[in-house]
Amino acid sequence: MSLLGDRTLVFVIRIWQEPREIDDASPGWRGSIEALQDGKRRYFTRLEDVPAFLGPYIQASSTPPSDTPPDRPWFDRLRRLTQWPRR
């Protein structure tokens, strides 16, 4: 049994650059996220879309750890961590 038990969710996030068909256009960022629990996958072009995919999984799992301050939900923290690279 895992040390974290049922409180562990596993996701694979892949991020890559795709070239544009327009000359001199900068490459576009693309990504996918897959939930290993059920194999569902979503493709995205903005990292801001990742928390929306994660939300239902986390809400369906057990309650958040007690060290998570009530005024800082997990998705606000994740949103700050997943700020898309800006140039």
C-alpha atoms as a PDB file:
ATOM      1  CA  MET A   1       0.000   0.000   0.000  1.00  0.00           C
ATOM      2  CA  SER A   2       1.214   3.485  -0.826  1.00  0.00           C
ATOM      3  CA  LEU A   3       2.208   5.818   1.982  1.00  0.00           C
ATOM      4  CA  LEU A   4      -0.373   8.240   0.661  1.00  0.00           C
ATOM      5  CA  GLY A   5      -3.041   5.552   0.150  1.00  0.00           C
ATOM      6  CA  ASP A   6      -6.095   6.779  -1.708  1.00  0.00           C
ATOM      7  CA  ARG A   7      -4.914  10.392  -1.618  1.00  0.00           C
ATOM      8  CA  THR A   8      -2.701   9.913  -4.672  1.00  0.00           C
ATOM      9  CA  LEU A   9      -3.801  10.918  -8.166  1.00  0.00           C
ATOM     10  CA  VAL A  10      -1.465  10.523 -11.133  1.00  0.00           C
ATOM     11  CA  PHE A  11      -1.512  12.701 -14.244  1.00  0.00           C
ATOM     12  CA  VAL A  12       0.826  12.907 -17.216  1.00  0.00           C
ATOM     13  CA  ILE A  13       1.241  16.374 -18.706  1.00  0.00           C
ATOM     14  CA  ARG A  14       2.990  16.719 -22.054  1.00  0.00           C
ATOM     15  CA  ILE A  15       3.914  20.113 -23.502  1.00  0.00           C
ATOM     16  CA  TRP A  16       5.483  20.732 -26.894  1.00  0.00           C
ATOM     17  CA  GLN A  17       6.019  23.436 -29.504  1.00  0.00           C
ATOM     18  CA  GLU A  18       4.473  23.142 -32.927  1.00  0.00           C
ATOM     19  CA  PRO A  19       5.759  25.148 -35.864  1.00  0.00           C
ATOM     20  CA  ARG A  20       3.351  27.571 -37.512  1.00  0.00           C
ATOM     21  CA  GLU A  21       2.497  27.374 -41.179  1.00  0.00           C
ATOM     22  CA  ILE A  22       2.910  31.144 -41.545  1.00  0.00           C
ATOM     23  CA  ASP A  23       6.434  32.283 -42.382  1.00  0.00           C
ATOM     24  CA  ASP A  24       8.249  34.035 -39.518  1.00  0.00           C
ATOM     25  CA  ALA A  25       5.476  33.183 -37.012  1.00  0.00           C
ATOM     26  CA  SER A  26       6.684  31.942 -33.665  1.00  0.00           C
ATOM     27  CA  PRO A  27       5.878  28.326 -32.804  1.00  0.00           C
ATOM     28  CA  GLY A  28       2.683  27.641 -30.890  1.00  0.00           C
ATOM     29  CA  TRP A  29       2.600  25.768 -27.590  1.00  0.00           C
ATOM     30  CA  ARG A  30       0.402  22.682 -27.301  1.00  0.00           C
ATOM     31  CA  GLY A  31      -0.128  20.179 -24.552  1.00  0.00           C
ATOM     32  CA  SER A  32      -2.102  17.252 -23.263  1.00  0.00           C
ATOM     33  CA  ILE A  33      -2.995  15.982 -19.822  1.00  0.00           C
ATOM     34  CA  GLU A  34      -3.959  12.393 -19.115  1.00  0.00           C
ATOM     35  CA  ALA A  35      -5.473  11.006 -15.918  1.00  0.00           C
ATOM     36  CA  LEU A  36      -3.892   7.617 -15.338  1.00  0.00           C
ATOM     37  CA  GLN A  37      -6.798   6.663 -13.081  1.00  0.00           C
ATOM     38  CA  ASP A  38      -9.218   6.321 -16.015  1.00  0.00           C
ATOM     39  CA  GLY A  39      -7.205   7.131 -19.150  1.00  0.00           C
ATOM     40  CA  LYS A  40      -9.129  10.312 -19.992  1.00  0.00           C
ATOM     41  CA  ARG A  41      -7.074  12.865 -21.907  1.00  0.00           C
ATOM     42  CA  ARG A  42      -7.573  16.502 -22.814  1.00  0.00           C
ATOM     43  CA  TYR A  43      -5.565  18.618 -25.216  1.00  0.00           C
ATOM     44  CA  PHE A  44      -4.929  22.288 -24.508  1.00  0.00           C
ATOM     45  CA  THR A  45      -3.186  25.380 -25.827  1.00  0.00           C
ATOM     46  CA  ARG A  46      -3.228  27.282 -22.526  1.00  0.00           C
ATOM     47  CA  LEU A  47      -1.916  25.961 -19.208  1.00  0.00           C
ATOM     48  CA  GLU A  48      -4.738  27.856 -17.548  1.00  0.00           C
ATOM     49  CA  ASP A  49      -7.028  25.047 -18.841  1.00  0.00           C
ATOM     50  CA  VAL A  50      -5.239  22.375 -16.780  1.00  0.00           C
ATOM     51  CA  PRO A  51      -6.906  23.151 -13.404  1.00  0.00           C
ATOM     52  CA  ALA A  52     -10.361  22.700 -14.981  1.00  0.00           C
ATOM     53  CA  PHE A  53      -9.378  19.160 -15.977  1.00  0.00           C
ATOM     54  CA  LEU A  54      -7.861  18.353 -12.576  1.00  0.00           C
ATOM     55  CA  GLY A  55     -10.700  19.812 -10.517  1.00  0.00           C
ATOM     56  CA  PRO A  56     -13.253  16.999 -10.750  1.00  0.00           C
ATOM     57  CA  TYR A  57     -10.629  14.370  -9.911  1.00  0.00           C
ATOM     58  CA  ILE A  58      -9.406  16.212  -6.852  1.00  0.00           C
ATOM     59  CA  GLN A  59     -12.905  17.070  -5.654  1.00  0.00           C
ATOM     60  CA  ALA A  60     -13.966  13.428  -6.023  1.00  0.00           C
ATOM     61  CA  SER A  61     -10.999  12.235  -3.974  1.00  0.00           C
ATOM     62  CA  SER A  62     -10.693  12.614  -0.248  1.00  0.00           C
ATOM     63  CA  THR A  63     -10.652  16.010   1.442  1.00  0.00           C
ATOM     64  CA  PRO A  64      -7.635  18.256   0.886  1.00  0.00           C
ATOM     65  CA  PRO A  65      -4.737  17.982   3.351  1.00  0.00           C
ATOM     66  CA  SER A  66      -5.274  19.872   6.594  1.00  0.00           C
ATOM     67  CA  ASP A  67      -2.205  22.042   5.940  1.00  0.00           C
ATOM     68  CA  THR A  68      -3.976  23.730   2.992  1.00  0.00           C
ATOM     69  CA  PRO A  69      -5.101  27.138   4.221  1.00  0.00           C
ATOM     70  CA  PRO A  70      -8.842  27.646   3.629  1.00  0.00           C
ATOM     71  CA  ASP A  71      -8.246  30.976   1.889  1.00  0.00           C
ATOM     72  CA  ARG A  72      -5.875  29.337  -0.631  1.00  0.00           C
ATOM     73  CA  PRO A  73      -7.651  26.447  -2.386  1.00  0.00           C
ATOM     74  CA  TRP A  74      -5.511  23.946  -4.275  1.00  0.00           C
ATOM     75  CA  PHE A  75      -6.573  25.307  -7.667  1.00  0.00           C
ATOM     76  CA  ASP A  76      -5.311  28.824  -6.896  1.00  0.00           C
ATOM     77  CA  ARG A  77      -1.936  27.371  -6.016  1.00  0.00           C
ATOM     78  CA  LEU A  78      -1.929  25.250  -9.160  1.00  0.00           C
ATOM     79  CA  ARG A  79      -2.917  28.218 -11.298  1.00  0.00           C
ATOM     80  CA  ARG A  80       0.093  30.170 -10.027  1.00  0.00           C
ATOM     81  CA  LEU A  81       2.397  27.221 -10.702  1.00  0.00           C
ATOM     82  CA  THR A  82       1.091  26.717 -14.237  1.00  0.00           C
ATOM     83  CA  GLN A  83       1.542  30.205 -15.604  1.00  0.00           C
ATOM     84  CA  TRP A  84       2.249  29.681 -19.293  1.00  0.00           C
ATOM     85  CA  PRO A  85       5.711  30.868 -20.369  1.00  0.00           C
ATOM     86  CA  ARG A  86       5.338  34.448 -21.547  1.00  0.00           C
ATOM     87  CA  ARG A  87       7.710  36.239 -23.903  1.00  0.00           C
END
